[in-house]
N, C-alpha and C. Protein backbone atom coordinates (compact mmCIF):
# COMPACT_ATOMS: atom_id res chain seq x y z
N MET A 1 -45.91 -106.45 114.64
CA MET A 1 -47.31 -106.24 114.30
C MET A 1 -48.01 -105.64 115.50
N ALA A 2 -48.89 -104.69 115.28
CA ALA A 2 -49.61 -104.02 116.36
C ALA A 2 -50.65 -104.94 116.95
N ASP A 3 -50.95 -104.74 118.20
CA ASP A 3 -51.98 -105.51 118.90
C ASP A 3 -53.33 -105.19 118.27
N PRO A 4 -54.11 -106.20 117.83
CA PRO A 4 -55.37 -105.93 117.14
C PRO A 4 -56.38 -105.22 118.02
N LEU A 5 -56.23 -105.27 119.32
CA LEU A 5 -57.19 -104.60 120.18
C LEU A 5 -56.98 -103.10 120.21
N THR A 6 -55.82 -102.62 119.82
CA THR A 6 -55.56 -101.20 119.90
C THR A 6 -55.65 -100.51 118.54
N LEU A 7 -55.87 -101.26 117.51
CA LEU A 7 -55.99 -100.65 116.19
C LEU A 7 -57.30 -99.89 116.09
N VAL A 8 -57.26 -98.76 115.46
CA VAL A 8 -58.46 -97.96 115.26
C VAL A 8 -58.81 -98.02 113.79
N ALA A 9 -60.02 -98.46 113.51
CA ALA A 9 -60.47 -98.53 112.14
C ALA A 9 -60.66 -97.12 111.60
N PRO A 10 -60.56 -96.96 110.28
CA PRO A 10 -60.78 -95.64 109.72
C PRO A 10 -62.21 -95.19 110.03
N PRO A 11 -62.40 -93.90 110.23
CA PRO A 11 -63.75 -93.43 110.52
C PRO A 11 -64.71 -93.88 109.43
N ARG A 12 -65.90 -94.23 109.84
CA ARG A 12 -66.88 -94.73 108.89
C ARG A 12 -67.33 -93.64 107.93
N SER A 13 -67.01 -92.38 108.22
CA SER A 13 -67.42 -91.31 107.34
C SER A 13 -66.83 -91.47 105.94
N SER A 14 -65.75 -92.25 105.82
CA SER A 14 -65.16 -92.47 104.51
C SER A 14 -65.95 -93.50 103.71
N ARG A 15 -66.84 -94.20 104.36
CA ARG A 15 -67.68 -95.17 103.67
C ARG A 15 -68.97 -94.50 103.24
N ARG A 16 -69.72 -95.16 102.39
CA ARG A 16 -70.96 -94.56 101.92
C ARG A 16 -71.99 -94.52 103.03
N ALA A 17 -72.86 -93.52 102.98
CA ALA A 17 -73.90 -93.35 103.99
C ALA A 17 -74.95 -94.45 103.84
N PRO A 18 -75.53 -94.88 104.96
CA PRO A 18 -76.56 -95.91 104.87
C PRO A 18 -77.82 -95.37 104.22
N SER A 19 -78.61 -96.26 103.62
CA SER A 19 -79.88 -95.85 103.04
C SER A 19 -80.81 -95.40 104.15
N ASP A 20 -81.93 -94.76 103.77
CA ASP A 20 -82.88 -94.28 104.77
C ASP A 20 -83.41 -95.40 105.64
N SER A 21 -83.72 -96.55 105.03
CA SER A 21 -84.25 -97.66 105.82
C SER A 21 -83.17 -98.24 106.74
N ALA A 22 -81.92 -98.30 106.27
CA ALA A 22 -80.83 -98.80 107.12
C ALA A 22 -80.57 -97.82 108.26
N ALA A 23 -80.62 -96.52 107.97
CA ALA A 23 -80.41 -95.52 109.03
C ALA A 23 -81.53 -95.59 110.06
N ALA A 24 -82.76 -95.78 109.61
CA ALA A 24 -83.89 -95.90 110.55
C ALA A 24 -83.72 -97.15 111.42
N TYR A 25 -83.31 -98.25 110.81
CA TYR A 25 -83.06 -99.48 111.57
C TYR A 25 -81.96 -99.25 112.60
N LEU A 26 -80.86 -98.62 112.18
CA LEU A 26 -79.75 -98.38 113.09
C LEU A 26 -80.13 -97.43 114.22
N ARG A 27 -80.95 -96.43 113.93
CA ARG A 27 -81.40 -95.53 115.00
C ARG A 27 -82.24 -96.30 116.01
N ARG A 28 -83.15 -97.14 115.53
CA ARG A 28 -84.03 -97.90 116.43
C ARG A 28 -83.25 -98.93 117.23
N ARG A 29 -82.52 -99.80 116.53
CA ARG A 29 -81.78 -100.85 117.23
C ARG A 29 -80.55 -100.29 117.95
N GLY A 30 -79.99 -99.20 117.43
CA GLY A 30 -78.87 -98.54 118.11
C GLY A 30 -79.31 -97.99 119.45
N ARG A 31 -80.50 -97.40 119.49
CA ARG A 31 -81.05 -96.90 120.75
C ARG A 31 -81.26 -98.07 121.72
N ASP A 32 -81.78 -99.20 121.20
CA ASP A 32 -81.94 -100.39 122.04
C ASP A 32 -80.59 -100.87 122.56
N PHE A 33 -79.57 -100.83 121.70
CA PHE A 33 -78.22 -101.24 122.09
C PHE A 33 -77.69 -100.35 123.22
N ILE A 34 -77.87 -99.03 123.07
CA ILE A 34 -77.39 -98.08 124.08
C ILE A 34 -78.10 -98.31 125.41
N ILE A 35 -79.41 -98.48 125.36
CA ILE A 35 -80.18 -98.69 126.59
C ILE A 35 -79.78 -100.01 127.24
N SER A 36 -79.54 -101.04 126.44
CA SER A 36 -79.11 -102.32 126.97
C SER A 36 -77.69 -102.23 127.55
N PHE A 37 -76.81 -101.51 126.86
CA PHE A 37 -75.44 -101.28 127.32
C PHE A 37 -75.48 -100.62 128.70
N TYR A 38 -76.26 -99.56 128.81
CA TYR A 38 -76.41 -98.83 130.07
C TYR A 38 -77.03 -99.72 131.14
N GLY A 39 -78.11 -100.42 130.79
CA GLY A 39 -78.78 -101.29 131.75
C GLY A 39 -77.88 -102.40 132.27
N THR A 40 -77.05 -102.93 131.40
CA THR A 40 -76.12 -103.99 131.81
C THR A 40 -75.04 -103.43 132.73
N LEU A 41 -74.55 -102.24 132.44
CA LEU A 41 -73.60 -101.59 133.34
C LEU A 41 -74.20 -101.41 134.73
N ARG A 42 -75.45 -100.96 134.78
CA ARG A 42 -76.14 -100.75 136.06
C ARG A 42 -76.35 -102.08 136.78
N ALA A 43 -76.76 -103.11 136.06
CA ALA A 43 -76.99 -104.42 136.68
C ALA A 43 -75.70 -104.97 137.27
N ILE A 44 -74.59 -104.83 136.55
CA ILE A 44 -73.29 -105.31 137.04
C ILE A 44 -72.89 -104.56 138.31
N LYS A 45 -73.22 -103.28 138.36
CA LYS A 45 -72.88 -102.49 139.53
C LYS A 45 -73.74 -102.86 140.74
N LEU A 46 -74.99 -103.23 140.51
CA LEU A 46 -75.93 -103.47 141.60
C LEU A 46 -75.96 -104.90 142.12
N TYR A 47 -75.67 -105.87 141.27
CA TYR A 47 -75.86 -107.28 141.63
C TYR A 47 -74.58 -108.08 141.43
N PRO A 48 -74.50 -109.23 142.12
CA PRO A 48 -73.37 -110.14 141.85
C PRO A 48 -73.46 -110.65 140.41
N LEU A 49 -72.33 -111.02 139.85
CA LEU A 49 -72.28 -111.42 138.44
C LEU A 49 -73.17 -112.62 138.13
N GLU A 50 -73.43 -113.48 139.11
CA GLU A 50 -74.24 -114.68 138.89
C GLU A 50 -75.74 -114.37 138.93
N HIS A 51 -76.10 -113.18 139.36
CA HIS A 51 -77.52 -112.83 139.52
C HIS A 51 -78.24 -112.88 138.17
N SER A 52 -79.49 -113.29 138.21
CA SER A 52 -80.26 -113.44 136.97
C SER A 52 -80.42 -112.12 136.22
N ALA A 53 -80.50 -111.00 136.93
CA ALA A 53 -80.63 -109.70 136.25
C ALA A 53 -79.39 -109.39 135.42
N VAL A 54 -78.22 -109.71 135.95
CA VAL A 54 -76.98 -109.49 135.21
C VAL A 54 -76.92 -110.41 134.00
N GLN A 55 -77.25 -111.67 134.20
CA GLN A 55 -77.20 -112.64 133.11
C GLN A 55 -78.20 -112.30 132.00
N ARG A 56 -79.41 -111.88 132.38
CA ARG A 56 -80.41 -111.46 131.38
C ARG A 56 -79.95 -110.24 130.60
N SER A 57 -79.39 -109.27 131.32
CA SER A 57 -78.90 -108.05 130.66
C SER A 57 -77.76 -108.36 129.69
N LEU A 58 -76.85 -109.22 130.11
CA LEU A 58 -75.74 -109.60 129.22
C LEU A 58 -76.26 -110.32 127.98
N ALA A 59 -77.23 -111.23 128.18
CA ALA A 59 -77.80 -111.96 127.05
C ALA A 59 -78.51 -111.00 126.09
N GLU A 60 -79.22 -110.02 126.63
CA GLU A 60 -79.91 -109.04 125.78
C GLU A 60 -78.91 -108.20 125.00
N LEU A 61 -77.87 -107.72 125.67
CA LEU A 61 -76.85 -106.91 125.00
C LEU A 61 -76.16 -107.70 123.90
N ALA A 62 -75.73 -108.92 124.21
CA ALA A 62 -75.07 -109.75 123.21
C ALA A 62 -76.02 -110.07 122.06
N GLY A 63 -77.30 -110.27 122.35
CA GLY A 63 -78.28 -110.56 121.31
C GLY A 63 -78.51 -109.39 120.37
N ILE A 64 -78.65 -108.19 120.93
CA ILE A 64 -78.83 -106.99 120.10
C ILE A 64 -77.59 -106.77 119.23
N ALA A 65 -76.42 -106.92 119.83
CA ALA A 65 -75.18 -106.75 119.06
C ALA A 65 -75.11 -107.77 117.93
N ALA A 66 -75.45 -109.02 118.21
CA ALA A 66 -75.43 -110.06 117.17
C ALA A 66 -76.43 -109.76 116.07
N GLU A 67 -77.60 -109.25 116.44
CA GLU A 67 -78.62 -108.91 115.43
C GLU A 67 -78.13 -107.79 114.51
N ILE A 68 -77.55 -106.74 115.10
CA ILE A 68 -77.04 -105.64 114.28
C ILE A 68 -75.91 -106.13 113.39
N LEU A 69 -75.03 -106.95 113.93
CA LEU A 69 -73.93 -107.51 113.13
C LEU A 69 -74.45 -108.37 111.98
N ALA A 70 -75.48 -109.17 112.25
CA ALA A 70 -76.02 -110.04 111.21
C ALA A 70 -76.63 -109.22 110.07
N ARG A 71 -77.28 -108.14 110.41
CA ARG A 71 -77.94 -107.33 109.38
C ARG A 71 -76.97 -106.37 108.69
N GLU A 72 -76.13 -105.70 109.47
CA GLU A 72 -75.26 -104.64 108.94
C GLU A 72 -73.85 -105.10 108.62
N ARG A 73 -73.47 -106.29 109.12
CA ARG A 73 -72.12 -106.84 108.95
C ARG A 73 -71.04 -106.00 109.60
N ASP A 74 -71.46 -105.10 110.48
CA ASP A 74 -70.52 -104.21 111.15
C ASP A 74 -71.23 -103.65 112.38
N LEU A 75 -70.51 -103.52 113.47
CA LEU A 75 -71.06 -102.83 114.63
C LEU A 75 -69.94 -102.03 115.27
N GLU A 76 -70.09 -100.74 115.17
CA GLU A 76 -69.11 -99.82 115.72
C GLU A 76 -69.86 -98.79 116.57
N PHE A 77 -69.56 -98.78 117.85
CA PHE A 77 -70.08 -97.78 118.78
C PHE A 77 -69.02 -96.71 118.85
N ARG A 78 -69.38 -95.48 118.52
CA ARG A 78 -68.38 -94.42 118.48
C ARG A 78 -68.90 -93.19 119.20
N VAL A 79 -68.04 -92.59 120.00
CA VAL A 79 -68.34 -91.36 120.70
C VAL A 79 -67.51 -90.27 120.05
N SER A 80 -68.18 -89.18 119.68
CA SER A 80 -67.49 -88.05 119.08
C SER A 80 -68.09 -86.78 119.68
N GLY A 81 -67.32 -86.11 120.52
CA GLY A 81 -67.85 -84.95 121.23
C GLY A 81 -68.98 -85.37 122.14
N GLU A 82 -70.15 -84.79 121.92
CA GLU A 82 -71.33 -85.13 122.72
C GLU A 82 -72.30 -86.01 121.93
N PHE A 83 -71.80 -86.67 120.90
CA PHE A 83 -72.64 -87.51 120.05
C PHE A 83 -72.23 -88.97 120.18
N ILE A 84 -73.23 -89.84 120.00
CA ILE A 84 -72.98 -91.28 119.94
C ILE A 84 -73.43 -91.76 118.57
N PHE A 85 -72.57 -92.55 117.93
CA PHE A 85 -72.87 -93.11 116.62
C PHE A 85 -72.88 -94.63 116.73
N ILE A 86 -73.79 -95.24 116.02
CA ILE A 86 -73.74 -96.68 115.79
C ILE A 86 -73.48 -96.81 114.29
N ASN A 87 -72.36 -97.41 113.97
CA ASN A 87 -71.83 -97.41 112.61
C ASN A 87 -71.72 -95.95 112.19
N SER A 88 -72.30 -95.52 111.13
CA SER A 88 -72.15 -94.11 110.76
C SER A 88 -73.42 -93.31 111.04
N THR A 89 -74.33 -93.86 111.81
CA THR A 89 -75.60 -93.19 112.10
C THR A 89 -75.57 -92.58 113.49
N ARG A 90 -75.79 -91.26 113.53
CA ARG A 90 -75.82 -90.57 114.81
C ARG A 90 -77.15 -90.85 115.50
N LEU A 91 -77.06 -91.22 116.75
CA LEU A 91 -78.27 -91.50 117.52
C LEU A 91 -78.78 -90.22 118.14
N ARG A 92 -80.08 -90.09 118.16
CA ARG A 92 -80.70 -88.89 118.70
C ARG A 92 -80.85 -88.98 120.21
N LEU A 93 -80.55 -87.89 120.85
CA LEU A 93 -80.70 -87.78 122.29
C LEU A 93 -82.05 -87.15 122.58
N ASP A 94 -82.82 -87.79 123.45
CA ASP A 94 -84.08 -87.21 123.89
C ASP A 94 -84.26 -87.50 125.37
N LEU A 95 -85.36 -87.07 125.93
CA LEU A 95 -85.57 -87.22 127.37
C LEU A 95 -85.65 -88.68 127.81
N THR A 96 -86.06 -89.58 126.93
CA THR A 96 -86.18 -90.99 127.31
C THR A 96 -84.82 -91.69 127.42
N ASN A 97 -83.79 -91.16 126.75
CA ASN A 97 -82.49 -91.82 126.80
C ASN A 97 -81.38 -90.90 127.31
N TYR A 98 -81.75 -89.78 127.90
CA TYR A 98 -80.76 -88.81 128.37
C TYR A 98 -79.79 -89.41 129.39
N ALA A 99 -80.30 -90.14 130.37
CA ALA A 99 -79.44 -90.71 131.42
C ALA A 99 -78.46 -91.72 130.83
N SER A 100 -78.95 -92.58 129.95
CA SER A 100 -78.07 -93.61 129.38
C SER A 100 -77.00 -92.97 128.49
N PHE A 101 -77.37 -92.00 127.66
CA PHE A 101 -76.39 -91.34 126.80
C PHE A 101 -75.34 -90.63 127.66
N GLY A 102 -75.80 -89.85 128.62
CA GLY A 102 -74.88 -89.08 129.46
C GLY A 102 -73.90 -89.98 130.21
N TYR A 103 -74.40 -91.07 130.75
CA TYR A 103 -73.56 -91.99 131.50
C TYR A 103 -72.51 -92.64 130.59
N LEU A 104 -72.94 -93.10 129.40
CA LEU A 104 -72.00 -93.73 128.48
C LEU A 104 -70.96 -92.74 127.97
N LEU A 105 -71.39 -91.51 127.68
CA LEU A 105 -70.43 -90.49 127.25
C LEU A 105 -69.39 -90.25 128.35
N ARG A 106 -69.83 -90.19 129.60
CA ARG A 106 -68.92 -89.92 130.71
C ARG A 106 -67.91 -91.06 130.90
N ILE A 107 -68.39 -92.31 130.93
CA ILE A 107 -67.44 -93.40 131.18
C ILE A 107 -66.50 -93.60 129.99
N CYS A 108 -66.97 -93.34 128.79
CA CYS A 108 -66.07 -93.43 127.63
C CYS A 108 -65.00 -92.35 127.70
N ARG A 109 -65.42 -91.14 128.04
CA ARG A 109 -64.47 -90.02 128.16
C ARG A 109 -63.43 -90.33 129.24
N GLU A 110 -63.90 -90.81 130.41
CA GLU A 110 -62.99 -91.11 131.52
C GLU A 110 -62.05 -92.27 131.19
N SER A 111 -62.51 -93.17 130.33
CA SER A 111 -61.71 -94.35 129.97
C SER A 111 -60.88 -94.15 128.71
N GLY A 112 -60.97 -92.98 128.10
CA GLY A 112 -60.19 -92.72 126.89
C GLY A 112 -60.64 -93.54 125.70
N ILE A 113 -61.92 -93.93 125.70
CA ILE A 113 -62.44 -94.77 124.62
C ILE A 113 -63.34 -93.94 123.71
N GLY A 114 -63.03 -93.97 122.43
CA GLY A 114 -63.84 -93.28 121.45
C GLY A 114 -64.56 -94.25 120.53
N VAL A 115 -64.03 -95.47 120.43
CA VAL A 115 -64.60 -96.47 119.52
C VAL A 115 -64.59 -97.83 120.20
N ILE A 116 -65.71 -98.52 120.09
CA ILE A 116 -65.78 -99.93 120.45
C ILE A 116 -66.31 -100.64 119.22
N ARG A 117 -65.45 -101.42 118.60
CA ARG A 117 -65.84 -102.19 117.42
C ARG A 117 -66.11 -103.62 117.89
N VAL A 118 -67.29 -104.11 117.53
CA VAL A 118 -67.72 -105.45 117.95
C VAL A 118 -67.57 -106.38 116.75
N HIS A 119 -66.87 -107.48 116.97
CA HIS A 119 -66.70 -108.48 115.92
C HIS A 119 -67.69 -109.61 116.13
N GLU A 120 -67.97 -110.31 115.07
CA GLU A 120 -68.93 -111.42 115.11
C GLU A 120 -68.55 -112.43 116.18
N GLY A 121 -69.56 -112.89 116.89
CA GLY A 121 -69.36 -113.92 117.90
C GLY A 121 -68.89 -113.40 119.25
N ALA A 122 -69.07 -112.11 119.53
CA ALA A 122 -68.66 -111.57 120.83
C ALA A 122 -69.50 -112.24 121.92
N PRO A 123 -68.88 -113.02 122.79
CA PRO A 123 -69.64 -113.75 123.80
C PRO A 123 -70.02 -112.86 124.99
N LYS A 124 -70.94 -113.37 125.79
CA LYS A 124 -71.34 -112.65 127.00
C LYS A 124 -70.13 -112.39 127.90
N ARG A 125 -69.21 -113.33 127.95
CA ARG A 125 -68.01 -113.19 128.78
C ARG A 125 -67.21 -111.95 128.38
N ALA A 126 -67.10 -111.70 127.08
CA ALA A 126 -66.36 -110.52 126.60
C ALA A 126 -67.06 -109.24 127.05
N TRP A 127 -68.38 -109.21 126.89
CA TRP A 127 -69.14 -108.04 127.33
C TRP A 127 -69.01 -107.83 128.83
N LEU A 128 -69.10 -108.91 129.58
CA LEU A 128 -69.01 -108.82 131.04
C LEU A 128 -67.67 -108.22 131.46
N MET A 129 -66.61 -108.70 130.86
CA MET A 129 -65.29 -108.20 131.23
C MET A 129 -65.14 -106.73 130.85
N LEU A 130 -65.52 -106.37 129.62
CA LEU A 130 -65.41 -104.98 129.19
C LEU A 130 -66.22 -104.06 130.09
N LEU A 131 -67.47 -104.41 130.34
CA LEU A 131 -68.32 -103.53 131.12
C LEU A 131 -67.85 -103.43 132.57
N SER A 132 -67.35 -104.51 133.11
CA SER A 132 -66.82 -104.47 134.48
C SER A 132 -65.60 -103.55 134.54
N LEU A 133 -64.75 -103.61 133.54
CA LEU A 133 -63.57 -102.76 133.51
C LEU A 133 -63.93 -101.30 133.27
N LEU A 134 -64.91 -101.05 132.40
CA LEU A 134 -65.33 -99.68 132.12
C LEU A 134 -65.89 -99.00 133.35
N ASP A 135 -66.65 -99.73 134.12
CA ASP A 135 -67.36 -99.12 135.25
C ASP A 135 -66.56 -99.15 136.54
N SER A 136 -65.36 -99.73 136.51
CA SER A 136 -64.55 -99.74 137.72
C SER A 136 -63.90 -98.38 137.91
N THR A 137 -63.74 -98.00 139.15
CA THR A 137 -63.10 -96.72 139.42
C THR A 137 -61.60 -96.91 139.27
N SER A 138 -60.99 -95.95 138.63
CA SER A 138 -59.56 -96.04 138.39
C SER A 138 -58.99 -94.64 138.30
N ALA A 139 -57.89 -94.45 138.96
CA ALA A 139 -57.20 -93.16 138.87
C ALA A 139 -56.32 -93.20 137.63
N GLY A 140 -55.95 -92.05 137.19
CA GLY A 140 -55.05 -91.98 136.05
C GLY A 140 -55.69 -91.30 134.87
N ASP A 141 -54.86 -91.09 133.88
CA ASP A 141 -55.33 -90.40 132.69
C ASP A 141 -56.15 -91.34 131.81
N PRO A 142 -57.03 -90.80 130.97
CA PRO A 142 -57.88 -91.65 130.11
C PRO A 142 -57.10 -92.57 129.19
N ASP A 143 -56.00 -92.10 128.61
CA ASP A 143 -55.22 -92.95 127.71
C ASP A 143 -54.63 -94.15 128.46
N GLY A 144 -54.13 -93.90 129.66
CA GLY A 144 -53.59 -94.98 130.47
C GLY A 144 -54.66 -95.98 130.88
N ARG A 145 -55.84 -95.47 131.16
CA ARG A 145 -56.95 -96.35 131.54
C ARG A 145 -57.37 -97.23 130.35
N ARG A 146 -57.44 -96.61 129.15
CA ARG A 146 -57.79 -97.39 127.95
C ARG A 146 -56.76 -98.49 127.73
N GLU A 147 -55.49 -98.14 127.85
CA GLU A 147 -54.43 -99.14 127.65
C GLU A 147 -54.53 -100.26 128.68
N MET A 148 -54.90 -99.94 129.91
CA MET A 148 -55.08 -100.96 130.95
C MET A 148 -56.24 -101.89 130.58
N ILE A 149 -57.34 -101.32 130.10
CA ILE A 149 -58.50 -102.13 129.70
C ILE A 149 -58.13 -103.03 128.52
N VAL A 150 -57.45 -102.47 127.53
CA VAL A 150 -57.01 -103.24 126.36
C VAL A 150 -56.11 -104.39 126.79
N ALA A 151 -55.17 -104.10 127.69
CA ALA A 151 -54.24 -105.13 128.16
C ALA A 151 -54.98 -106.24 128.90
N GLN A 152 -55.96 -105.88 129.72
CA GLN A 152 -56.71 -106.90 130.46
C GLN A 152 -57.57 -107.74 129.53
N LEU A 153 -58.16 -107.12 128.52
CA LEU A 153 -58.94 -107.89 127.54
C LEU A 153 -58.02 -108.84 126.76
N ALA A 154 -56.87 -108.35 126.37
CA ALA A 154 -55.91 -109.19 125.64
C ALA A 154 -55.43 -110.33 126.53
N GLY A 155 -55.19 -110.04 127.81
CA GLY A 155 -54.76 -111.07 128.74
C GLY A 155 -55.81 -112.17 128.94
N ALA A 156 -57.08 -111.82 128.73
CA ALA A 156 -58.16 -112.79 128.85
C ALA A 156 -58.50 -113.42 127.49
N ASN A 157 -57.67 -113.17 126.48
CA ASN A 157 -57.87 -113.69 125.12
C ASN A 157 -59.21 -113.26 124.53
N ILE A 158 -59.59 -112.01 124.76
CA ILE A 158 -60.82 -111.47 124.18
C ILE A 158 -60.43 -110.58 123.01
N ALA A 159 -60.71 -111.07 121.81
CA ALA A 159 -60.39 -110.32 120.60
C ALA A 159 -61.65 -109.89 119.85
N SER A 160 -62.82 -110.20 120.39
CA SER A 160 -64.07 -109.88 119.70
C SER A 160 -64.53 -108.46 119.96
N LEU A 161 -63.88 -107.76 120.87
CA LEU A 161 -64.18 -106.35 121.14
C LEU A 161 -62.88 -105.56 120.96
N GLU A 162 -62.94 -104.57 120.10
CA GLU A 162 -61.76 -103.77 119.76
C GLU A 162 -61.99 -102.35 120.24
N LEU A 163 -61.05 -101.80 120.99
CA LEU A 163 -61.19 -100.45 121.54
C LEU A 163 -60.25 -99.50 120.84
N GLY A 164 -60.70 -98.25 120.69
CA GLY A 164 -59.87 -97.23 120.08
C GLY A 164 -60.02 -95.90 120.79
N ALA A 165 -59.05 -95.05 120.59
CA ALA A 165 -59.05 -93.71 121.18
C ALA A 165 -60.09 -92.84 120.49
N PRO A 166 -60.52 -91.79 121.15
CA PRO A 166 -61.46 -90.86 120.51
C PRO A 166 -60.80 -90.16 119.32
N GLN A 167 -61.61 -89.85 118.33
CA GLN A 167 -61.12 -89.07 117.19
C GLN A 167 -60.93 -87.64 117.64
N LYS A 168 -60.09 -86.91 116.98
CA LYS A 168 -59.80 -85.53 117.38
C LYS A 168 -60.93 -84.56 117.01
N ASP A 169 -61.73 -84.90 115.99
CA ASP A 169 -62.81 -84.00 115.61
C ASP A 169 -63.92 -84.05 116.66
N ALA A 170 -64.54 -82.91 116.93
CA ALA A 170 -65.55 -82.81 117.98
C ALA A 170 -66.90 -83.34 117.53
N ALA A 171 -67.17 -83.31 116.27
CA ALA A 171 -68.45 -83.80 115.75
C ALA A 171 -68.29 -84.18 114.30
N ASP A 172 -69.24 -84.88 113.79
CA ASP A 172 -69.24 -85.30 112.40
C ASP A 172 -70.46 -84.71 111.71
N PRO A 173 -70.36 -83.46 111.28
CA PRO A 173 -71.52 -82.78 110.72
C PRO A 173 -72.07 -83.43 109.47
N GLY A 174 -71.28 -84.18 108.74
CA GLY A 174 -71.75 -84.78 107.52
C GLY A 174 -72.49 -86.10 107.71
N GLN A 175 -72.58 -86.58 108.93
CA GLN A 175 -73.18 -87.87 109.19
C GLN A 175 -74.71 -87.77 109.19
N PRO A 176 -75.40 -88.83 108.74
CA PRO A 176 -76.84 -88.83 108.79
C PRO A 176 -77.33 -88.91 110.22
N GLU A 177 -78.49 -88.28 110.46
CA GLU A 177 -79.09 -88.32 111.79
C GLU A 177 -80.18 -89.33 111.87
């Protein structure tokens, strides 16, 4: 049986598109998720793990993820080309989130990660480990780096975050914006 951390779920494009209100919710809370993801990465880089800024950022990230999961029953962060999707909704890039989008696109590309699927009950510890591994400097090819991250998460018994390779398509033109 394959390791559940390395399985890649089928692209969400095969599922039905979200309604307008669900897409609006995902754009709003997805943007909050991205900004929190980025902010937590920065906090981990700047402060010791015990620092209150790191702990607050982790709690915020885990809270936003839990909220999206509770409402949508699914949380999939996906990078495709120069686009970021939350579930099947493409998030819009603008001047207010340019730095966070660019940074996340870069570290995902360098880490060989195209999909992060979040399962219910993902604890702060899981987020802390993933983000610490993502932001660590590592030589090697992206696929090897992804496999190293997957192996370390599995070694820590973290199954609430599932990583997958990038899809081969550069963009998903049929996805709602």
